[in-house]
Structure formats: C-alpha cells, structure tokens
Amino acid sequence: MDAPPADPAAPAEGAPARQGPQLLALALGFVMATLDVTIMNVAGAELRDGLGLSLSGLTWVVDGYVLAFASLLLLAGSLAARLGARRVYLVGLGLFTAASLLCAAAPGAWALVVGRLLQGAGAALFMPSSLTLLLASFPDERRRTRVLGLWSAIVSTAAGLGPALGGLLVGGLGWRSIFLINIPVGVVGLLLARRVIAPVAGRPGPLGAAGHALGLLALGALSYGLIEGPEKGWEAVEVLTAFAVALAAGAAFVLRERTAAVRVLPGALFADPRFSAANAIGFLFNLGAYGGMFMLGLFLQNARGADPIEAGLQLLPTQLVFLVGNILYARWGHRVSHRAALVGSLLYAAVGPLALALTVSPETPYWVLAVLLSLFNTGLGIASPAMTGALMTAAGRAHADIASATLNANRQVGSLVGIAVMGAVIAGAGGWYAGATASFALTATAYLAAALLAWWGLRARTTGSGAEGARPVADAG
C-alpha cells in the first residue's frame, strides 16, 4: 500500500524543539510593525519640521504604510502558500528592515513615502506567514493556545509602550531614530528565524493573477477612500471615485471567485461558517478597539486639555492591560473553547465603554476613565488570541496562509472604518462630550455584535442535519 501523502504544511522533520526562541522569532516581526505604527503617532510634528512636509505629505508618510499593507495581504497569503511560509516570512522581514533603513536615511519627503510603502509591503509578507509558522511550530492545540497568548502579550507590550518609546526617541535622538530602531530588531529576527524555524513546504500551483489583481484593486481603493475621506471630505471626487472603484472591483472579485478554476480564497474556507464568523469578529474588534483609541486620544487632548505626551501617558494603562488578558488566555485558554472565550471576553469588554457612554461628563475625573477602560479592556486581551485561534482552527494547516491574510485584511479595514466613523461621529455630535458619549456607545455596540457573532457563528460543525447524536467534525489539519 502506498504511504499517505505528506502534509505540505507540516514542519520539516527534525524541527528544533527550542520553543522559546521559536516564539520570539515569530513575534519580532509583529513587534517591529506594531512599534512602527504606534511610534508614528507621536512623530508627526518632528517629521513635518525636519523634512518640511506639507499636511498631505505627512498624511502619506503615515498612511502609505497602511495602504500598501492592506492592499497586498491577500497576495502575500497566496505567495506564502505556494512558495513556503518561512521563505516569504524571511523575505518580508528583510524587506521591512531594509525599508526602515531607507526611511532613516531619507533625504526628502518622497523618499520617505517610498520607504513607508516598502515597509507596508514587507509587513504584508511576514504577518500572514508568521501565523502559519506558529501553527506548524506548535501543532498541539493546548500548547498552541498558550503560545498564542504569550505571542499576543509580546505584541501588546510593544503596542502599549510604542507612544512612550516614540516620545523618548523623537525627543532625544530625532525622528530618524524611530526607523533606526527597527534595524537591530530586524537583523536579530532574521538570524533567529533562519536558525530555529523549520521550513514549511509550499504547494506549487497557479496563482490566479486576475483574482489577486482585483483583490488588490478593491482593497487598495477602499483603503485610499477611508484614509483620504476625513482629510478631503467624503464628497470629494477622488474619494467617491475610490469607493466606486472598490465596489466595482469587489463585485468583479466575488464573481470571479464563484466561477474561476483557481480561486484566491478556497471554497472550503467559506464552507465552514466559523471562518466567516472569525473574520467578521476581527473587523468589529478592530473597529471598536482602534476607532475607540483614536477617539480617546483626541478627547483627552481637546476636551480634557492634555498635551500629546500627557495624552500618550494617560492612554498607557488602558493599552498595557491587554497584556493581562493575553497572559490570562495563555494560562487558562485551553480549558475553554474559542467560542466560549470570545463570547465571554467580548461581553466583558463591552461593559467599560457602555458604562462611560451612560456617565461621561465634564465632571468625570480621569481616574474613572482609566479604571473603567483598563479593567474591561482586559477582555480585549483575551479576545485577540482567541479570535486568531478560532480562525486557525477553522482553516487548518492547508489554508493557514490565506486565512491569516484574510483576517489581517479584515482587521485592517475594520481599523480604517472605525477611525473614519469615529471621526464622523465626533464631527456631527456638536461637542466633545456628546461625541465621546456616541463613540463609547458605538464601541460597546461593536463588541456586543462581535460577541453575538461568536456565539452564533463559532458553533462546532456536525455531521448530519442536527439530528440527535450528531458529532463534531474534525478540523482540517
């Protein structure tokens, strides 16, 4: 009898057993990308003065990264599936590191914009691949749950410390230092990944270039419209054109996916409702979390009188508490299902913004804001790795690359939509406290909707049609 075919996504025989270095190697890319985004939030004024940037130029320095990252995620996921996740991870990490050097040495505005676009392309390559490599490196479900929590904790710490670290770097060493810090981190990440991460075999085959072109156009145009809308106005010709292009390209993408022999998104993924549910949860999670953070930063400065550094420090406890949730998930997440962890943590996370929506006023002291958000943001720290775990379980090893890319794309669009919607809510509310009330209510609604999706959409699949005695179907991989 012939031997069964090897799982192409399984780690190579003889994979290293040093799991601490493996975890660190796979987290360093995310740490760099996270630090880069959060540090940029406090570097705007220094960049503008140092390079003589216009407001439009500064916008492209900040958002060019986001545009390239969001647009290329689906293509990057398919490349990882075909060429091998470790190879694509190393290429992405190398490109991000080299682009950081280009940004640090940029003589002018457009060189910096090009560097930021290349950073976004590098991040798009290594982010989906890192989750695939994590799945292959830690095949045991219980151990992977612990690793997901610890991995999220490392990234959450970087995100929480980013604004404070950015302020120190920009204030002490100038704006170029925020890019130079990526160089040693990237080099260590490259060397460590080459040494301790086992290769994962790719599955050669046609790429489906037409589908990827449509997906890139749809994501790129949507991201452009969401980025430029608050700046140029939602009725500006270029913004409306971008949304029209996104809609047309998205419709063409869906039509092609229904009929093409080579699909960008395998049909097997959407046959499992857990995959769709996890992606919708990711969209709502980022809409609430990043839209809420955007609103809160503006609120602390404009309504409460904080300067940028004070606002960053006041935000710090509300963000670092994610780490607590990550660690709780790492310790006890294996004892409950992804569904139970998500429903419980998202319901819990909704309590904080809901309480503030009902009570926030000029008389509300800072410590009340900080305690409520810090206490209940712990739920988000549990929800983030649980959401990733739910997606990876639904996708299995065979589709981990493209599934991870899809989740990242949905989360990125969720962040852009959240920021755009919160900006519109604040602008139309007639005052900062009215705007904050509406924004807190919107954040709580996003979390509650995500919890409902988790309860409804992450139910175990069963054989049969719901008859008594039906049993769960094993996950692929």
Protein backbone atom coordinates (compact mmCIF):
# COMPACT_ATOMS: atom_id res chain seq x y z
CA MET A 1 0.00 0.00 0.00
CA ASP A 2 1.26 3.47 -0.85
CA ALA A 3 2.18 5.74 2.05
CA PRO A 4 -0.22 8.64 2.65
CA PRO A 5 0.87 11.93 1.13
CA ALA A 6 2.82 14.23 3.41
CA ASP A 7 1.07 17.27 4.79
CA PRO A 8 2.68 20.11 2.83
CA ALA A 9 2.24 22.49 5.75
CA ALA A 10 3.80 20.22 8.31
CA PRO A 11 7.15 21.28 9.75
CA ALA A 12 10.19 19.61 8.36
CA GLU A 13 11.45 16.51 10.10
CA GLY A 14 13.94 17.36 12.78
CA ALA A 15 12.36 20.71 13.58
CA PRO A 16 14.02 22.39 16.56
CA ALA A 17 12.44 21.85 19.93
CA ARG A 18 13.55 25.19 21.38
CA GLN A 19 10.12 26.73 21.58
CA GLY A 20 11.06 29.91 23.45
CA PRO A 21 13.34 31.07 20.61
CA GLN A 22 10.70 29.98 18.08
CA LEU A 23 8.08 32.12 19.78
CA LEU A 24 10.45 35.09 19.92
CA ALA A 25 11.46 34.70 16.27
CA LEU A 26 7.81 34.74 15.15
CA ALA A 27 6.88 37.65 17.42
CA LEU A 28 9.72 40.01 16.44
CA GLY A 29 8.21 40.87 13.05
CA PHE A 30 4.90 41.81 14.65
CA VAL A 31 6.76 43.79 17.30
CA MET A 32 8.56 45.85 14.65
CA ALA A 33 5.40 46.53 12.68
CA THR A 34 3.42 47.39 15.82
CA LEU A 35 6.10 49.70 17.18
CA ASP A 36 6.40 51.38 13.81
CA VAL A 37 2.71 52.23 13.67
CA THR A 38 2.35 53.38 17.29
CA ILE A 39 5.59 55.37 17.33
CA MET A 40 4.49 57.23 14.20
CA ASN A 41 1.52 58.59 16.17
CA VAL A 42 3.83 60.88 18.17
CA ALA A 43 6.40 61.69 15.46
CA GLY A 44 4.23 63.77 13.13
CA ALA A 45 5.32 67.25 14.21
CA GLU A 46 9.02 66.35 14.19
CA LEU A 47 8.73 64.76 10.75
CA ARG A 48 6.91 67.79 9.39
CA ASP A 49 9.55 70.18 10.70
CA GLY A 50 12.54 68.00 9.85
CA LEU A 51 11.61 67.41 6.20
CA GLY A 52 9.40 70.42 5.58
CA LEU A 53 6.39 68.18 4.91
CA SER A 54 3.02 69.55 3.92
CA LEU A 55 -0.05 68.13 5.67
CA SER A 56 -0.70 65.98 2.59
CA GLY A 57 2.89 64.74 2.62
CA LEU A 58 2.69 63.87 6.31
CA THR A 59 -0.57 62.02 5.69
CA TRP A 60 1.11 59.87 3.05
CA VAL A 61 4.08 59.16 5.30
CA VAL A 62 1.70 57.84 7.95
CA ASP A 63 -0.91 56.22 5.71
CA GLY A 64 1.22 54.99 2.79
CA TYR A 65 2.27 52.11 5.03
CA VAL A 66 -1.36 51.25 5.79
CA LEU A 67 -2.34 51.40 2.11
CA ALA A 68 0.44 49.05 0.95
CA PHE A 69 -0.07 46.70 3.87
CA ALA A 70 -3.84 46.29 3.47
CA SER A 71 -3.73 46.02 -0.32
CA LEU A 72 -1.09 43.29 -0.52
CA LEU A 73 -2.24 40.95 2.26
CA LEU A 74 -4.23 38.51 0.11
CA LEU A 75 -1.44 38.27 -2.46
CA ALA A 76 1.09 37.72 0.33
CA GLY A 77 -1.01 34.89 1.79
CA SER A 78 -1.16 33.12 -1.56
CA LEU A 79 2.58 33.55 -2.12
CA ALA A 80 3.29 32.01 1.28
CA ALA A 81 1.08 29.03 0.45
CA ARG A 82 2.89 28.41 -2.84
CA LEU A 83 6.49 29.36 -2.04
CA GLY A 84 6.64 28.27 1.60
CA ALA A 85 5.75 30.32 4.67
CA ARG A 86 9.28 30.58 6.10
CA ARG A 87 10.72 31.80 2.81
CA VAL A 88 8.07 34.51 2.46
CA TYR A 89 8.41 35.43 6.16
CA LEU A 90 12.16 35.96 5.76
CA VAL A 91 11.71 37.99 2.56
CA GLY A 92 9.10 40.18 4.25
CA LEU A 93 11.23 40.69 7.34
CA GLY A 94 14.25 41.54 5.20
CA LEU A 95 12.26 43.98 3.08
CA PHE A 96 10.82 45.70 6.16
CA THR A 97 14.29 46.04 7.71
CA ALA A 98 15.83 47.41 4.50
CA ALA A 99 12.90 49.81 4.03
CA SER A 100 13.41 51.05 7.61
CA LEU A 101 17.00 51.91 6.71
CA LEU A 102 15.75 53.76 3.62
CA CYS A 103 13.29 55.71 5.78
CA ALA A 104 16.00 56.61 8.30
CA ALA A 105 18.29 57.88 5.54
CA ALA A 106 15.56 59.61 3.50
CA PRO A 107 16.79 62.97 2.17
CA GLY A 108 13.29 64.22 1.42
CA ALA A 109 9.57 63.64 1.62
CA TRP A 110 9.08 61.32 -1.35
CA ALA A 111 11.99 59.06 -0.41
CA LEU A 112 10.34 58.66 2.99
CA VAL A 113 6.96 57.90 1.39
CA VAL A 114 8.57 55.23 -0.82
CA GLY A 115 10.24 53.74 2.23
CA ARG A 116 6.93 53.62 4.07
CA LEU A 117 5.23 51.91 1.11
CA LEU A 118 8.00 49.29 1.10
CA GLN A 119 7.63 48.83 4.86
CA GLY A 120 3.92 48.13 4.31
CA ALA A 121 4.74 45.59 1.59
CA GLY A 122 7.23 43.86 3.90
CA ALA A 123 4.72 43.71 6.75
CA ALA A 124 2.09 42.26 4.40
CA LEU A 125 4.52 39.45 3.53
CA PHE A 126 5.57 38.47 7.03
CA MET A 127 2.36 38.87 9.03
CA PRO A 128 0.26 36.06 7.47
CA SER A 129 3.35 33.83 7.24
CA SER A 130 4.12 34.25 10.94
CA LEU A 131 0.76 32.77 11.95
CA THR A 132 1.23 29.86 9.55
CA LEU A 133 4.67 29.17 11.02
CA LEU A 134 3.27 29.38 14.53
CA LEU A 135 0.60 26.81 13.64
CA ALA A 136 3.25 24.49 12.16
CA SER A 137 5.74 25.01 15.00
CA PHE A 138 3.16 24.31 17.72
CA PRO A 139 0.78 21.65 16.36
CA ASP A 140 -0.53 20.63 19.79
CA GLU A 141 -3.77 22.57 20.43
CA ARG A 142 -3.18 23.10 24.15
CA ARG A 143 0.39 24.30 23.69
CA ARG A 144 -0.61 26.49 20.76
CA THR A 145 -3.26 28.20 22.91
CA ARG A 146 -0.57 29.07 25.46
CA VAL A 147 1.81 30.27 22.75
CA LEU A 148 -0.89 32.44 21.12
CA GLY A 149 -1.46 34.15 24.46
CA LEU A 150 2.26 34.75 25.04
CA TRP A 151 2.77 35.86 21.44
CA SER A 152 -0.10 38.35 21.80
CA ALA A 153 1.37 39.53 25.11
CA ILE A 154 4.68 40.40 23.45
CA VAL A 155 2.89 42.34 20.71
CA SER A 156 0.54 44.06 23.20
CA THR A 157 3.50 45.21 25.26
CA ALA A 158 5.10 46.72 22.16
CA ALA A 159 1.84 48.45 21.22
CA GLY A 160 1.33 49.83 24.72
CA LEU A 161 4.89 51.12 25.06
CA GLY A 162 5.05 52.46 21.49
CA PRO A 163 3.83 56.04 22.11
CA ALA A 164 6.04 56.49 25.19
CA LEU A 165 9.08 54.97 23.44
CA GLY A 166 8.37 57.12 20.40
CA GLY A 167 8.28 60.25 22.51
CA LEU A 168 11.65 59.39 24.08
CA LEU A 169 13.28 58.56 20.75
CA VAL A 170 11.95 61.57 18.88
CA GLY A 171 12.67 63.94 21.77
CA GLY A 172 16.17 62.63 22.45
CA LEU A 173 17.52 61.43 19.09
CA GLY A 174 15.30 62.92 16.39
CA TRP A 175 12.78 61.39 14.01
CA ARG A 176 15.27 59.18 12.15
CA SER A 177 15.76 57.12 15.31
CA ILE A 178 12.20 55.73 15.10
CA PHE A 179 13.23 53.88 11.93
CA LEU A 180 16.77 53.02 13.01
CA ILE A 181 15.43 51.07 15.99
CA ASN A 182 13.99 48.55 13.53
CA ILE A 183 17.42 47.62 12.12
CA PRO A 184 18.82 45.62 15.06
CA VAL A 185 15.41 44.10 15.80
CA GLY A 186 15.02 43.04 12.16
CA VAL A 187 18.53 41.57 11.93
CA VAL A 188 18.02 39.56 15.13
CA GLY A 189 14.64 38.39 13.85
CA LEU A 190 16.13 37.25 10.53
CA LEU A 191 19.02 35.36 12.13
CA LEU A 192 16.80 33.76 14.76
CA ALA A 193 14.12 32.71 12.27
CA ARG A 194 16.69 31.12 9.96
CA ARG A 195 18.13 29.19 12.88
CA VAL A 196 15.11 27.96 14.83
CA ILE A 197 12.08 27.99 12.48
CA ALA A 198 11.68 24.86 10.38
CA PRO A 199 10.82 25.31 6.69
CA VAL A 200 7.21 24.71 5.68
CA ALA A 201 6.81 23.26 2.21
CA GLY A 202 4.83 25.27 -0.31
CA ARG A 203 2.21 23.92 -2.68
CA PRO A 204 3.26 24.95 -6.21
CA GLY A 205 0.42 25.87 -8.50
CA PRO A 206 -1.12 28.73 -10.46
CA LEU A 207 -1.51 31.96 -8.52
CA GLY A 208 -4.77 33.24 -10.01
CA ALA A 209 -3.25 36.57 -11.01
CA ALA A 210 -6.51 38.10 -12.22
CA GLY A 211 -8.19 37.42 -8.89
CA HIS A 212 -5.30 38.93 -6.96
CA ALA A 213 -5.29 41.99 -9.22
CA LEU A 214 -8.99 42.54 -8.49
CA GLY A 215 -8.49 41.94 -4.77
CA LEU A 216 -5.55 44.34 -4.63
CA LEU A 217 -7.53 46.99 -6.52
CA ALA A 218 -10.57 46.60 -4.27
CA LEU A 219 -8.59 46.70 -1.00
CA GLY A 220 -6.32 49.50 -2.22
CA ALA A 221 -9.18 51.71 -3.42
CA LEU A 222 -11.22 51.08 -0.26
CA SER A 223 -8.23 51.88 1.95
CA TYR A 224 -7.46 55.03 -0.06
CA GLY A 225 -11.04 56.26 0.28
CA LEU A 226 -11.13 55.60 4.03
CA ILE A 227 -7.74 57.26 4.56
CA GLU A 228 -8.43 60.34 2.43
CA GLY A 229 -12.11 60.80 3.31
CA PRO A 230 -11.59 62.60 6.64
CA GLU A 231 -8.94 64.85 5.08
CA LYS A 232 -10.54 65.74 1.72
CA GLY A 233 -14.19 65.30 2.61
CA TRP A 234 -16.44 62.32 1.95
CA GLU A 235 -17.99 64.02 -1.07
CA ALA A 236 -14.67 64.80 -2.77
CA VAL A 237 -14.47 63.44 -6.33
CA GLU A 238 -11.35 61.34 -5.67
CA VAL A 239 -12.86 59.81 -2.52
CA LEU A 240 -16.15 58.90 -4.23
CA THR A 241 -14.19 57.55 -7.21
CA ALA A 242 -12.08 55.38 -4.90
CA PHE A 243 -15.20 53.89 -3.29
CA ALA A 244 -16.78 53.30 -6.72
CA VAL A 245 -13.62 51.51 -7.89
CA ALA A 246 -13.54 49.45 -4.68
CA LEU A 247 -17.19 48.44 -5.14
CA ALA A 248 -16.74 47.52 -8.80
CA ALA A 249 -13.51 45.62 -8.21
CA GLY A 250 -15.01 43.87 -5.19
CA ALA A 251 -18.05 42.76 -7.20
CA ALA A 252 -15.80 41.52 -10.00
CA PHE A 253 -13.66 39.67 -7.46
CA VAL A 254 -16.69 37.91 -5.97
CA LEU A 255 -18.00 36.97 -9.44
CA ARG A 256 -14.62 35.60 -10.45
CA GLU A 257 -14.29 33.61 -7.22
CA ARG A 258 -17.62 31.89 -7.94
CA THR A 259 -16.55 30.69 -11.39
CA ALA A 260 -12.75 30.54 -11.59
CA ALA A 261 -10.82 27.28 -11.58
CA VAL A 262 -8.06 28.87 -9.45
CA ARG A 263 -9.54 30.85 -6.56
CA VAL A 264 -7.80 33.33 -4.30
CA LEU A 265 -9.95 32.20 -1.35
CA PRO A 266 -10.51 28.43 -1.34
CA GLY A 267 -14.17 27.47 -1.29
CA ALA A 268 -13.51 25.10 1.60
CA LEU A 269 -12.86 28.06 3.88
CA PHE A 270 -16.29 29.58 3.33
CA ALA A 271 -17.95 26.18 3.61
CA ASP A 272 -17.08 26.46 7.31
CA PRO A 273 -19.15 29.24 8.91
CA ARG A 274 -16.51 29.59 11.65
CA PHE A 275 -14.12 31.10 9.12
CA SER A 276 -16.59 33.80 8.07
CA ALA A 277 -17.54 34.44 11.71
CA ALA A 278 -13.90 34.83 12.81
CA ASN A 279 -13.27 37.36 10.03
CA ALA A 280 -16.39 39.37 10.88
CA ILE A 281 -15.37 39.34 14.55
CA GLY A 282 -11.91 40.63 13.56
CA PHE A 283 -13.49 43.50 11.62
CA LEU A 284 -15.72 44.50 14.54
CA PHE A 285 -12.94 44.04 17.09
CA ASN A 286 -10.65 46.49 15.29
CA LEU A 287 -13.48 48.89 14.53
CA GLY A 288 -14.20 49.22 18.24
CA ALA A 289 -10.65 48.97 19.61
CA TYR A 290 -8.78 51.19 17.16
CA GLY A 291 -11.66 53.55 16.47
CA GLY A 292 -12.13 53.94 20.22
CA MET A 293 -8.42 54.54 20.79
CA PHE A 294 -8.41 57.20 18.06
CA MET A 295 -11.39 58.96 19.65
CA LEU A 296 -9.97 58.74 23.16
CA GLY A 297 -6.65 60.31 22.13
CA LEU A 298 -8.47 63.27 20.58
CA PHE A 299 -10.89 63.52 23.51
CA LEU A 300 -8.13 63.67 26.13
CA GLN A 301 -6.41 66.49 24.26
CA ASN A 302 -9.36 68.54 23.04
CA ALA A 303 -11.88 68.08 25.84
CA ARG A 304 -9.57 67.40 28.80
CA GLY A 305 -6.69 69.73 27.91
CA ALA A 306 -3.87 67.15 27.79
CA ASP A 307 -0.85 67.78 25.57
CA PRO A 308 0.28 64.93 23.23
CA ILE A 309 2.78 63.48 25.73
CA GLU A 310 0.26 63.64 28.60
CA ALA A 311 -2.38 62.01 26.39
CA GLY A 312 0.05 59.22 25.50
CA LEU A 313 0.82 58.59 29.16
CA GLN A 314 -2.87 58.68 30.07
CA LEU A 315 -3.61 56.13 27.36
CA LEU A 316 -0.81 53.84 28.55
CA PRO A 317 -2.70 51.92 31.30
CA THR A 318 -5.72 51.39 29.04
CA GLN A 319 -3.47 49.71 26.46
CA LEU A 320 -0.93 47.83 28.58
CA VAL A 321 -3.79 45.99 30.27
CA PHE A 322 -4.16 43.99 27.04
CA LEU A 323 -1.07 42.18 28.30
CA VAL A 324 -3.00 40.95 31.35
CA GLY A 325 -5.72 39.46 29.14
CA ASN A 326 -3.12 37.83 26.89
CA ILE A 327 -1.45 36.17 29.88
CA LEU A 328 -4.81 35.01 31.27
CA TYR A 329 -5.55 33.41 27.91
CA ALA A 330 -2.10 31.81 27.78
CA ARG A 331 -2.63 30.23 31.22
CA TRP A 332 -6.26 29.14 31.03
CA GLY A 333 -7.42 29.49 27.42
CA HIS A 334 -7.00 25.77 26.74
CA ARG A 335 -9.67 24.98 29.34
CA VAL A 336 -12.49 26.54 27.32
CA SER A 337 -13.42 26.63 23.64
CA HIS A 338 -12.52 29.56 21.40
CA ARG A 339 -16.24 30.27 21.20
CA ALA A 340 -16.70 30.50 24.97
CA ALA A 341 -13.56 32.61 25.38
CA LEU A 342 -14.70 35.06 22.70
CA VAL A 343 -18.30 35.39 23.85
CA GLY A 344 -17.32 35.92 27.48
CA SER A 345 -14.40 38.29 26.84
CA LEU A 346 -16.23 40.45 24.30
CA LEU A 347 -19.29 40.80 26.54
CA TYR A 348 -16.99 41.76 29.39
CA ALA A 349 -15.07 44.25 27.21
CA ALA A 350 -18.32 45.98 26.23
CA VAL A 351 -19.11 46.90 29.85
CA GLY A 352 -16.42 49.62 30.09
CA PRO A 353 -17.40 51.76 27.06
CA LEU A 354 -21.09 51.16 27.78
CA ALA A 355 -20.69 52.48 31.33
CA LEU A 356 -18.83 55.54 30.02
CA ALA A 357 -21.44 56.15 27.33
CA LEU A 358 -24.01 56.43 30.14
CA THR A 359 -21.93 58.52 32.57
CA VAL A 360 -19.13 60.53 30.91
CA SER A 361 -19.35 64.28 31.57
CA PRO A 362 -17.04 67.25 32.30
CA GLU A 363 -17.19 66.23 35.97
CA THR A 364 -15.86 62.71 35.27
CA PRO A 365 -12.29 62.53 36.65
CA TYR A 366 -9.51 60.93 34.63
CA TRP A 367 -9.13 58.05 37.07
CA VAL A 368 -12.70 56.90 36.38
CA LEU A 369 -11.98 56.76 32.65
CA ALA A 370 -8.69 54.97 33.26
CA VAL A 371 -10.09 52.42 35.71
CA LEU A 372 -13.15 51.55 33.62
CA LEU A 373 -11.24 51.19 30.36
CA SER A 374 -8.26 49.43 31.91
CA LEU A 375 -10.44 46.97 33.84
CA PHE A 376 -12.64 45.98 30.93
CA ASN A 377 -10.01 46.21 28.17
CA THR A 378 -8.63 43.06 29.77
CA GLY A 379 -11.38 41.32 27.83
CA LEU A 380 -9.86 42.51 24.56
CA GLY A 381 -6.57 40.97 25.61
CA ILE A 382 -8.34 37.62 25.87
CA ALA A 383 -10.41 38.07 22.71
CA SER A 384 -7.50 38.83 20.37
CA PRO A 385 -5.62 35.49 20.66
CA ALA A 386 -8.91 33.57 20.98
CA MET A 387 -10.07 35.09 17.68
CA THR A 388 -6.81 34.11 16.00
CA GLY A 389 -7.08 30.61 17.45
CA ALA A 390 -10.64 30.24 16.16
CA LEU A 391 -9.57 31.23 12.66
CA MET A 392 -6.57 28.91 12.64
CA THR A 393 -8.71 26.02 13.85
CA ALA A 394 -11.28 26.64 11.11
CA ALA A 395 -8.63 26.98 8.40
CA GLY A 396 -6.32 24.15 9.39
CA ARG A 397 -2.76 23.88 8.13
CA ALA A 398 -3.77 23.56 4.48
CA HIS A 399 -5.22 27.07 4.30
CA ALA A 400 -3.44 28.84 7.16
CA ASP A 401 -1.59 31.35 4.92
CA ILE A 402 -4.56 32.75 3.05
CA ALA A 403 -6.82 32.53 6.11
CA SER A 404 -4.37 34.61 8.14
CA ALA A 405 -4.06 37.13 5.31
CA THR A 406 -7.85 37.42 5.09
CA LEU A 407 -8.19 38.02 8.83
CA ASN A 408 -5.44 40.67 8.77
CA ALA A 409 -7.08 42.40 5.80
CA ASN A 410 -10.47 42.44 7.52
CA ARG A 411 -8.96 43.74 10.74
CA GLN A 412 -7.08 46.48 8.89
CA VAL A 413 -10.21 47.61 7.07
CA GLY A 414 -12.02 47.49 10.42
CA SER A 415 -9.44 49.89 11.89
CA LEU A 416 -9.82 52.29 8.97
CA VAL A 417 -13.61 52.16 9.13
CA GLY A 418 -13.53 52.62 12.91
CA ILE A 419 -11.33 55.70 12.69
CA ALA A 420 -13.42 57.17 9.86
CA VAL A 421 -16.73 56.51 11.64
CA MET A 422 -15.49 57.84 14.98
CA GLY A 423 -14.23 60.98 13.25
CA ALA A 424 -17.62 61.48 11.58
CA VAL A 425 -19.46 60.86 14.88
CA ILE A 426 -17.32 63.39 16.73
CA ALA A 427 -17.71 65.98 13.96
CA GLY A 428 -21.50 65.62 13.89
CA ALA A 429 -22.15 65.39 17.61
CA GLY A 430 -21.98 69.11 18.39
CA GLY A 431 -19.46 68.87 21.23
CA TRP A 432 -16.66 66.70 22.57
CA TYR A 433 -18.66 65.14 25.38
CA ALA A 434 -21.62 64.36 23.12
CA GLY A 435 -19.16 62.92 20.62
CA ALA A 436 -17.45 60.84 23.31
CA THR A 437 -20.82 59.50 24.51
CA ALA A 438 -21.78 58.43 20.98
CA SER A 439 -18.33 56.97 20.32
CA PHE A 440 -18.31 54.93 23.54
CA ALA A 441 -21.77 53.62 22.66
CA LEU A 442 -20.57 52.67 19.17
CA THR A 443 -17.53 50.86 20.61
CA ALA A 444 -19.72 48.87 23.01
CA THR A 445 -22.10 48.01 20.14
CA ALA A 446 -19.22 46.68 18.04
CA TYR A 447 -18.07 44.40 20.88
CA LEU A 448 -21.62 43.18 21.59
CA ALA A 449 -22.17 42.42 17.89
CA ALA A 450 -18.87 40.53 17.80
CA ALA A 451 -19.91 38.52 20.87
CA LEU A 452 -23.20 37.63 19.17
CA LEU A 453 -21.32 36.52 16.06
CA ALA A 454 -19.01 34.38 18.17
CA TRP A 455 -21.97 32.71 19.89
CA TRP A 456 -23.85 32.11 16.64
CA GLY A 457 -21.07 31.55 14.11
CA LEU A 458 -18.45 29.54 16.02
CA ARG A 459 -20.66 26.59 16.85
CA ALA A 460 -18.99 23.25 16.16
CA ARG A 461 -19.81 21.75 12.79
CA THR A 462 -21.64 18.47 12.96
CA THR A 463 -22.21 15.58 10.62
CA GLY A 464 -25.83 15.17 9.81
CA SER A 465 -28.50 17.84 9.89
CA GLY A 466 -28.80 18.47 13.57
CA ALA A 467 -30.31 15.13 14.44
CA GLU A 468 -29.74 13.74 17.87
CA GLY A 469 -26.41 12.02 18.13
CA ALA A 470 -24.61 14.23 15.61
CA ARG A 471 -20.93 14.60 16.40
CA PRO A 472 -18.36 17.36 15.76
CA VAL A 473 -16.38 17.13 12.55
CA ALA A 474 -12.61 17.15 12.97
CA ASP A 475 -10.85 20.29 11.79
CA ALA A 476 -8.66 20.10 8.71
CA GLY A 477 -5.05 19.60 9.62
